[in-house]
């Protein structure tokens, strides 16, 4: 069992290597000599933590897989189980048939999407920067990013899945492939509700002309197709479509769960419905203001400006919302890295975002605070200010058609997706 798991891990490493070779980023010996040890390190590190169990695995994921194993796998999808949406449960059902330990399979799935996430980040950066060395560095940085390694290989969470699909959707839209883009965004939302922190960028893409209005009708159509297999296996149709609505209570009633959100400033305060409602109103207002800004400057939205706007959504919305958990800034972690490789202001933004997220990860994984979470909240305020400064800079002045918008080279790679 262990040998099979580590063999699959090695294959995922080879997949990452193949992607870089296919992109033409390893044409010279020097690039290979620098990249290969780092790539090996990324997967050796993940292999080291493959057997590590968290309470989330022991209390939830392992029991869910065991339930599917004892109740005929896919046929048991009709039963209400867990607080994940149907697409992820498809994988857990599939794992119940395999002889490999489910802990390994759960983590290997997330690690596979770590690779996809690094690829999508590299492709997004390629819209702003043509330097192959920068794209290669972006790929490896995302793959070795502490929160990315901790999230999947250590914690056994699946945030890399929704984030990778959302970033693929963003890249495909900017490459004028709207149908595939909407499909990726739908899959992202289908795997995790936290995709809503990034999904407002679809409106910005519409302002920019990357979508037609009818493309938005594809979102519910794709979502229905995504859950139909579960419905065919006995899951009630309406219950399946409204699963996220019924799951909102499972996130807890606390204002903050080790998250560097605005509520970290009031961690001694009583948990009140009024405070939660105020945060929801604040998050909606923040989103609306950012959308209005992007609409007013829609003719000046370069690719980097769109990526910056996506980062601002991914940071600001969960920062203001109540009931946020440690991992909910995962999309912002990766988007900030992309921005760091494309502009100077992105560097401190990436460092501050990673600092804030790691405080939450440390609190959960070590069961104690390294620093109180209000330090992380202050860091994220800095990220929001830096993001708005960059967005103002990128959309200031008069921009000629196609100026500052650098399309990535699709040579040897345009048919990958």
Protein backbone atom coordinates (compact mmCIF):
# COMPACT_ATOMS: atom_id res chain seq x y z
CA UNK A 1 0.00 0.00 0.00
CA UNK A 2 2.76 2.45 0.92
CA UNK A 3 4.72 1.57 -2.20
CA UNK A 4 1.67 2.19 -4.39
CA UNK A 5 1.06 5.56 -2.74
CA UNK A 6 4.65 6.73 -3.16
CA UNK A 7 4.63 5.48 -6.75
CA UNK A 8 1.59 7.66 -7.43
CA UNK A 9 3.36 10.58 -5.76
CA UNK A 10 6.39 10.05 -8.03
CA UNK A 11 4.08 10.02 -11.06
CA UNK A 12 2.64 13.34 -9.98
CA UNK A 13 6.17 14.68 -9.79
CA UNK A 14 6.83 13.44 -13.31
CA UNK A 15 3.62 15.12 -14.44
CA UNK A 16 4.92 18.42 -13.06
CA UNK A 17 8.21 17.89 -14.90
CA UNK A 18 6.36 17.06 -18.12
CA UNK A 19 4.34 20.27 -17.90
CA UNK A 20 7.51 22.33 -17.67
CA UNK A 21 9.12 20.45 -20.55
CA UNK A 22 5.95 20.84 -22.62
CA UNK A 23 6.00 24.58 -21.95
CA UNK A 24 9.56 24.75 -23.29
CA UNK A 25 10.94 26.14 -20.03
CA UNK A 26 13.71 23.56 -19.60
CA UNK A 27 15.50 23.85 -22.90
CA UNK A 28 18.94 24.48 -21.47
CA UNK A 29 21.03 22.47 -19.04
CA UNK A 30 21.30 25.26 -16.48
CA UNK A 31 17.53 25.56 -16.12
CA UNK A 32 17.27 21.80 -15.66
CA UNK A 33 20.04 21.71 -13.04
CA UNK A 34 18.38 24.48 -11.02
CA UNK A 35 14.81 23.28 -11.38
CA UNK A 36 15.16 19.51 -10.93
CA UNK A 37 16.47 19.54 -7.30
CA UNK A 38 13.74 22.01 -6.32
CA UNK A 39 11.07 19.95 -7.98
CA UNK A 40 12.32 16.79 -6.29
CA UNK A 41 12.38 18.65 -2.96
CA UNK A 42 8.76 19.72 -3.42
CA UNK A 43 7.61 16.11 -3.75
CA UNK A 44 9.99 14.62 -1.18
CA UNK A 45 8.61 17.15 1.30
CA UNK A 46 5.07 16.07 0.46
CA UNK A 47 6.04 12.41 0.76
CA UNK A 48 7.46 13.03 4.23
CA UNK A 49 4.06 14.24 5.46
CA UNK A 50 1.93 11.71 3.58
CA UNK A 51 1.24 9.62 6.70
CA UNK A 52 0.51 12.58 8.97
CA UNK A 53 -3.05 12.55 10.34
CA UNK A 54 -5.00 15.60 11.51
CA UNK A 55 -8.20 15.68 13.53
CA UNK A 56 -10.13 16.62 10.38
CA UNK A 57 -9.07 13.34 8.81
CA UNK A 58 -9.71 11.21 11.89
CA UNK A 59 -13.06 12.76 12.78
CA UNK A 60 -14.52 13.28 9.31
CA UNK A 61 -12.78 12.22 6.08
CA UNK A 62 -11.77 8.72 7.24
CA UNK A 63 -15.27 8.05 8.56
CA UNK A 64 -16.87 9.22 5.34
CA UNK A 65 -14.71 6.93 3.21
CA UNK A 66 -15.42 4.06 5.60
CA UNK A 67 -19.15 4.71 5.27
CA UNK A 68 -18.90 4.53 1.48
CA UNK A 69 -16.78 1.38 1.76
CA UNK A 70 -19.42 -0.32 3.89
CA UNK A 71 -22.39 0.88 1.84
CA UNK A 72 -21.53 -0.04 -1.75
CA UNK A 73 -19.51 3.01 -2.73
CA UNK A 74 -21.23 5.19 -5.30
CA UNK A 75 -24.64 3.74 -4.46
CA UNK A 76 -24.41 5.34 -1.02
CA UNK A 77 -24.24 8.86 -2.49
CA UNK A 78 -27.99 9.03 -1.94
CA UNK A 79 -27.41 9.30 1.82
CA UNK A 80 -26.70 12.69 3.41
CA UNK A 81 -23.11 12.63 4.57
CA UNK A 82 -20.50 15.22 5.44
CA UNK A 83 -20.30 18.89 4.54
CA UNK A 84 -18.56 18.67 1.17
CA UNK A 85 -20.28 19.10 -2.15
CA UNK A 86 -21.01 16.26 -4.57
CA UNK A 87 -17.91 16.46 -6.84
CA UNK A 88 -15.51 15.84 -3.95
CA UNK A 89 -17.72 13.03 -2.67
CA UNK A 90 -17.36 11.35 -6.07
CA UNK A 91 -13.66 11.01 -5.32
CA UNK A 92 -14.23 9.73 -1.79
CA UNK A 93 -16.59 7.09 -3.18
CA UNK A 94 -13.99 6.08 -5.76
CA UNK A 95 -11.33 5.84 -3.06
CA UNK A 96 -13.52 3.42 -1.11
CA UNK A 97 -13.00 0.80 -3.84
CA UNK A 98 -9.19 0.99 -3.81
CA UNK A 99 -6.79 -1.04 -1.66
CA UNK A 100 -4.56 2.00 -0.97
CA UNK A 101 -5.06 3.74 2.37
CA UNK A 102 -7.64 6.50 1.98
CA UNK A 103 -5.42 9.03 3.81
CA UNK A 104 -2.85 8.71 1.03
CA UNK A 105 -5.45 8.96 -1.72
CA UNK A 106 -7.04 12.07 -0.22
CA UNK A 107 -3.67 13.78 0.00
CA UNK A 108 -2.51 12.59 -3.42
CA UNK A 109 -5.62 14.12 -5.00
CA UNK A 110 -4.81 17.48 -3.42
CA UNK A 111 -1.15 17.18 -4.42
CA UNK A 112 -2.15 16.53 -8.03
CA UNK A 113 -4.08 19.79 -7.98
CA UNK A 114 -1.08 21.51 -6.37
CA UNK A 115 0.62 20.82 -9.70
CA UNK A 116 -2.39 22.11 -11.66
CA UNK A 117 -2.43 25.17 -9.42
CA UNK A 118 1.25 25.87 -10.14
CA UNK A 119 0.60 25.43 -13.87
CA UNK A 120 -2.40 27.78 -13.85
CA UNK A 121 -0.38 30.37 -11.89
CA UNK A 122 2.46 30.14 -14.39
CA UNK A 123 0.08 30.58 -17.31
CA UNK A 124 -1.58 33.59 -15.67
CA UNK A 125 1.80 35.19 -15.08
CA UNK A 126 2.61 34.54 -18.73
CA UNK A 127 -0.12 37.01 -19.68
CA UNK A 128 1.90 39.76 -18.01
CA UNK A 129 5.50 38.55 -18.22
CA UNK A 130 7.14 36.79 -21.16
CA UNK A 131 10.39 35.88 -19.40
CA UNK A 132 10.51 32.08 -19.17
CA UNK A 133 12.70 32.22 -16.06
CA UNK A 134 10.06 34.22 -14.21
CA UNK A 135 7.34 31.76 -15.21
CA UNK A 136 9.48 28.83 -14.09
CA UNK A 137 10.16 30.55 -10.78
CA UNK A 138 6.45 31.21 -10.32
CA UNK A 139 5.63 27.53 -10.91
CA UNK A 140 8.18 26.37 -8.34
CA UNK A 141 7.26 29.07 -5.82
CA UNK A 142 3.60 28.07 -5.84
CA UNK A 143 4.54 24.40 -5.56
CA UNK A 144 6.80 25.15 -2.57
CA UNK A 145 4.60 27.81 -0.99
CA UNK A 146 4.23 26.91 2.72
CA UNK A 147 0.44 27.16 2.80
CA UNK A 148 0.13 25.07 -0.38
CA UNK A 149 2.31 22.30 1.09
CA UNK A 150 0.57 22.45 4.46
CA UNK A 151 -2.95 22.53 3.04
CA UNK A 152 -2.85 19.32 1.04
CA UNK A 153 0.16 17.19 1.98
CA UNK A 154 -0.04 17.89 5.73
CA UNK A 155 -3.62 18.82 6.49
CA UNK A 156 -5.33 16.71 3.83
CA UNK A 157 -7.55 19.61 2.74
CA UNK A 158 -8.61 20.16 -0.86
CA UNK A 159 -8.41 23.93 -1.30
CA UNK A 160 -5.92 23.46 -4.13
CA UNK A 161 -8.72 21.93 -6.20
CA UNK A 162 -11.09 24.90 -6.18
CA UNK A 163 -8.20 27.39 -6.41
CA UNK A 164 -6.56 25.62 -9.36
CA UNK A 165 -9.85 25.45 -11.25
CA UNK A 166 -10.65 29.10 -10.52
CA UNK A 167 -7.22 30.22 -11.75
CA UNK A 168 -7.59 28.08 -14.86
CA UNK A 169 -10.97 29.73 -15.44
CA UNK A 170 -9.40 33.17 -15.11
CA UNK A 171 -6.56 32.32 -17.49
CA UNK A 172 -8.91 30.79 -20.08
CA UNK A 173 -11.15 33.88 -20.01
CA UNK A 174 -8.18 36.18 -20.57
CA UNK A 175 -7.15 33.91 -23.46
CA UNK A 176 -10.63 34.40 -25.00
CA UNK A 177 -11.84 30.85 -24.35
CA UNK A 178 -15.03 31.76 -22.44
CA UNK A 179 -16.89 28.43 -22.52
CA UNK A 180 -13.99 26.48 -21.03
CA UNK A 181 -13.49 29.34 -18.59
CA UNK A 182 -17.06 29.15 -17.30
CA UNK A 183 -16.73 25.36 -17.05
CA UNK A 184 -13.64 25.74 -14.83
CA UNK A 185 -15.30 28.35 -12.65
CA UNK A 186 -18.33 26.07 -12.29
CA UNK A 187 -16.14 23.12 -11.30
CA UNK A 188 -14.35 25.37 -8.81
CA UNK A 189 -17.63 26.36 -7.19
CA UNK A 190 -18.81 22.75 -7.37
CA UNK A 191 -15.88 21.53 -5.29
CA UNK A 192 -15.92 24.23 -2.61
CA UNK A 193 -18.10 27.12 -1.60
CA UNK A 194 -14.96 29.20 -0.90
CA UNK A 195 -14.74 29.72 -4.67
CA UNK A 196 -17.25 32.56 -4.17
CA UNK A 197 -14.39 34.69 -2.88
CA UNK A 198 -12.92 34.69 -6.41
CA UNK A 199 -16.05 34.31 -8.57
CA UNK A 200 -16.91 38.07 -8.65
CA UNK A 201 -14.00 38.38 -11.08
CA UNK A 202 -16.35 36.89 -13.69
CA UNK A 203 -18.25 40.20 -13.68
CA UNK A 204 -14.99 42.07 -14.24
CA UNK A 205 -14.23 39.78 -17.17
CA UNK A 206 -17.67 40.62 -18.58
CA UNK A 207 -16.97 44.35 -18.22
CA UNK A 208 -13.74 43.77 -20.10
CA UNK A 209 -15.45 41.91 -22.95
CA UNK A 210 -14.08 38.44 -22.24
CA UNK A 211 -17.62 37.12 -21.67
CA UNK A 212 -20.89 37.69 -23.43
CA UNK A 213 -23.99 37.82 -21.25
CA UNK A 214 -25.17 34.41 -22.47
CA UNK A 215 -22.00 32.77 -21.16
CA UNK A 216 -23.31 33.22 -17.61
CA UNK A 217 -26.22 30.91 -18.45
CA UNK A 218 -23.67 28.13 -18.89
CA UNK A 219 -22.80 28.26 -15.19
CA UNK A 220 -26.07 26.75 -13.86
CA UNK A 221 -26.22 24.38 -16.84
CA UNK A 222 -22.74 23.00 -16.13
CA UNK A 223 -23.53 22.79 -12.42
CA UNK A 224 -26.63 20.68 -13.05
CA UNK A 225 -24.59 18.34 -15.26
CA UNK A 226 -22.01 18.10 -12.49
CA UNK A 227 -24.47 16.78 -9.93
CA UNK A 228 -26.65 14.66 -12.24
CA UNK A 229 -24.68 11.43 -11.60
CA UNK A 230 -25.50 11.74 -7.88
CA UNK A 231 -29.14 12.38 -8.71
CA UNK A 232 -29.17 9.29 -10.94
CA UNK A 233 -27.86 7.30 -7.96
CA UNK A 234 -30.75 8.44 -5.78
CA UNK A 235 -29.75 11.83 -4.39
CA UNK A 236 -32.80 14.18 -4.32
CA UNK A 237 -32.40 16.74 -7.10
CA UNK A 238 -33.45 19.86 -5.15
CA UNK A 239 -31.43 18.81 -2.11
CA UNK A 240 -28.39 18.37 -4.33
CA UNK A 241 -28.75 21.79 -5.96
CA UNK A 242 -29.24 23.53 -2.61
CA UNK A 243 -26.55 21.64 -0.73
CA UNK A 244 -24.50 24.75 -0.01
CA UNK A 245 -27.53 26.48 1.50
CA UNK A 246 -28.03 23.64 3.94
CA UNK A 247 -24.31 23.55 4.75
CA UNK A 248 -23.95 27.18 5.79
CA UNK A 249 -24.79 26.24 9.37
CA UNK A 250 -21.90 23.77 9.50
CA UNK A 251 -19.26 26.51 9.42
CA UNK A 252 -20.08 27.39 13.01
CA UNK A 253 -21.59 30.36 14.83
CA UNK A 254 -18.32 31.88 16.03
CA UNK A 255 -17.29 35.16 14.47
CA UNK A 256 -13.77 33.89 13.84
CA UNK A 257 -12.04 30.50 13.65
CA UNK A 258 -8.29 31.23 13.72
CA UNK A 259 -8.73 33.50 10.70
CA UNK A 260 -6.88 36.80 10.13
CA UNK A 261 -10.21 38.50 9.46
CA UNK A 262 -11.49 41.80 10.82
CA UNK A 263 -13.01 39.89 13.73
CA UNK A 264 -9.52 39.02 14.95
CA UNK A 265 -9.43 42.53 16.40
CA UNK A 266 -12.37 41.64 18.63
CA UNK A 267 -11.51 38.13 19.73
CA UNK A 268 -12.60 38.85 23.30
CA UNK A 269 -15.97 40.20 22.18
CA UNK A 270 -19.18 38.17 22.52
CA UNK A 271 -20.45 36.46 19.38
CA UNK A 272 -23.50 38.34 18.19
CA UNK A 273 -25.77 38.12 15.18
CA UNK A 274 -25.55 41.91 14.75
CA UNK A 275 -21.76 41.75 14.38
CA UNK A 276 -22.10 38.95 11.82
CA UNK A 277 -24.70 40.85 9.81
CA UNK A 278 -22.51 43.94 9.85
CA UNK A 279 -19.62 41.92 8.42
CA UNK A 280 -21.80 40.45 5.67
CA UNK A 281 -23.01 43.93 4.74
CA UNK A 282 -19.42 45.18 4.77
CA UNK A 283 -18.22 42.37 2.50
CA UNK A 284 -21.06 43.01 0.04
CA UNK A 285 -20.33 46.74 0.02
CA UNK A 286 -16.62 46.12 -0.51
CA UNK A 287 -17.35 43.80 -3.44
CA UNK A 288 -19.78 46.30 -4.95
CA UNK A 289 -17.30 49.19 -4.68
CA UNK A 290 -14.57 47.14 -6.34
CA UNK A 291 -16.94 46.07 -9.13
CA UNK A 292 -18.03 49.67 -9.75
CA UNK A 293 -14.40 50.77 -9.88
CA UNK A 294 -13.59 48.07 -12.43
CA UNK A 295 -16.67 48.93 -14.49
CA UNK A 296 -15.74 52.61 -14.63
CA UNK A 297 -12.21 51.72 -15.76
CA UNK A 298 -13.16 48.74 -17.91
CA UNK A 299 -11.34 50.12 -20.96
CA UNK A 300 -8.10 50.21 -18.98
CA UNK A 301 -8.19 46.78 -17.41
CA UNK A 302 -4.96 45.05 -18.40
CA UNK A 303 -4.40 41.41 -17.59
CA UNK A 304 -2.40 42.37 -14.53
CA UNK A 305 -5.21 44.67 -13.39
CA UNK A 306 -7.65 41.76 -13.63
CA UNK A 307 -5.31 39.53 -11.59
CA UNK A 308 -4.98 42.32 -9.01
CA UNK A 309 -8.76 42.67 -8.84
CA UNK A 310 -9.06 38.90 -8.31
CA UNK A 311 -6.58 39.18 -5.43
CA UNK A 312 -8.57 42.03 -3.89
CA UNK A 313 -11.73 39.93 -4.01
CA UNK A 314 -9.95 36.89 -2.56
CA UNK A 315 -8.52 38.95 0.33
CA UNK A 316 -11.22 41.51 1.08
CA UNK A 317 -14.35 39.37 1.02
CA UNK A 318 -13.24 36.73 3.58
CA UNK A 319 -11.50 39.48 5.57
CA UNK A 320 -14.87 41.12 6.25
CA UNK A 321 -17.13 38.07 6.48
CA UNK A 322 -17.91 36.37 9.80
CA UNK A 323 -17.35 32.67 10.56
CA UNK A 324 -14.17 32.45 8.48
CA UNK A 325 -11.68 29.61 9.07
CA UNK A 326 -7.88 29.36 8.81
CA UNK A 327 -7.71 28.24 5.19
CA UNK A 328 -10.10 30.71 3.59
CA UNK A 329 -7.37 32.95 2.19
CA UNK A 330 -5.85 30.12 0.16
CA UNK A 331 -6.82 31.69 -3.18
CA UNK A 332 -5.29 34.99 -2.07
CA UNK A 333 -2.07 33.21 -1.09
CA UNK A 334 -1.53 32.05 -4.67
CA UNK A 335 -2.83 35.15 -6.47
CA UNK A 336 -0.45 37.30 -4.43
CA UNK A 337 2.48 35.17 -5.62
CA UNK A 338 1.48 35.72 -9.25
CA UNK A 339 1.30 39.46 -8.62
CA UNK A 340 4.70 39.38 -6.88
CA UNK A 341 6.33 38.09 -10.07
CA UNK A 342 4.70 40.79 -12.20
CA UNK A 343 5.18 43.99 -10.16
CA UNK A 344 7.15 45.38 -7.22
CA UNK A 345 4.13 46.05 -4.98
CA UNK A 346 3.17 42.39 -5.32
CA UNK A 347 6.24 41.29 -3.35
CA UNK A 348 5.25 42.76 0.03
CA UNK A 349 1.63 41.78 -0.70
CA UNK A 350 2.65 38.13 -1.12
CA UNK A 351 4.80 38.15 2.02
CA UNK A 352 2.04 39.73 4.11
CA UNK A 353 -0.61 37.34 2.79
CA UNK A 354 1.54 34.33 3.52
CA UNK A 355 2.33 35.63 7.01
CA UNK A 356 -1.36 36.12 7.80
CA UNK A 357 -2.40 32.70 6.51
CA UNK A 358 0.44 30.88 8.27
CA UNK A 359 -0.66 32.30 11.62
CA UNK A 360 -3.98 30.52 11.15
CA UNK A 361 -2.36 27.29 9.97
CA UNK A 362 -0.06 27.31 12.98
CA UNK A 363 -3.01 27.84 15.33
CA UNK A 364 -4.80 24.76 13.96
CA UNK A 365 -1.91 22.39 13.35
CA UNK A 366 -0.07 23.22 16.59
CA UNK A 367 -3.19 23.96 18.66
CA UNK A 368 -1.69 27.18 19.95
CA UNK A 369 -1.08 30.71 18.73
CA UNK A 370 2.33 31.78 17.50
CA UNK A 371 0.98 35.35 17.49
CA UNK A 372 -2.55 36.56 18.02
CA UNK A 373 -4.54 36.66 14.80
CA UNK A 374 -4.95 40.46 14.87
CA UNK A 375 -1.34 40.63 13.62
CA UNK A 376 -2.49 38.71 10.54
CA UNK A 377 -5.51 40.98 10.15
CA UNK A 378 -3.23 44.04 10.09
CA UNK A 379 -1.10 42.32 7.46
CA UNK A 380 -4.15 41.75 5.25
CA UNK A 381 -5.17 45.39 5.56
CA UNK A 382 -1.72 46.12 4.14
CA UNK A 383 -2.36 43.69 1.29
CA UNK A 384 -5.67 45.39 0.46
CA UNK A 385 -4.01 48.82 0.41
CA UNK A 386 -1.16 47.55 -1.78
CA UNK A 387 -3.65 45.86 -4.10
CA UNK A 388 -5.69 49.02 -4.56
CA UNK A 389 -2.52 51.03 -5.13
CA UNK A 390 -1.47 48.61 -7.87
CA UNK A 391 -4.93 48.59 -9.42
CA UNK A 392 -5.00 52.39 -9.48
CA UNK A 393 -1.56 52.43 -11.09
CA UNK A 394 -2.49 49.88 -13.75
CA UNK A 395 -5.73 51.62 -14.70
CA UNK A 396 -4.46 55.20 -14.56
CA UNK A 397 -4.08 57.32 -17.64
CA UNK A 398 -4.92 56.60 -21.23
CA UNK A 399 -4.21 53.11 -22.52
CA UNK A 400 -4.05 52.33 -26.19
CA UNK A 401 -5.56 49.17 -27.53
CA UNK A 402 -3.61 46.09 -26.44
CA UNK A 403 -1.00 48.24 -24.61
CA UNK A 404 0.48 46.55 -21.54
CA UNK A 405 -1.47 43.37 -22.29
CA UNK A 406 1.05 40.67 -23.11
CA UNK A 407 -0.39 37.39 -24.24
CA UNK A 408 1.50 34.32 -23.17
CA UNK A 409 3.12 32.25 -25.85
CA UNK A 410 1.02 29.19 -26.59
CA UNK A 411 3.69 27.51 -28.62
CA UNK A 412 3.82 23.81 -27.74
CA UNK A 413 1.10 24.33 -25.18
CA UNK A 414 -2.11 25.75 -26.64
CA UNK A 415 -3.93 22.40 -26.71
CA UNK A 416 -3.11 21.37 -23.14
CA UNK A 417 -6.66 22.08 -21.98
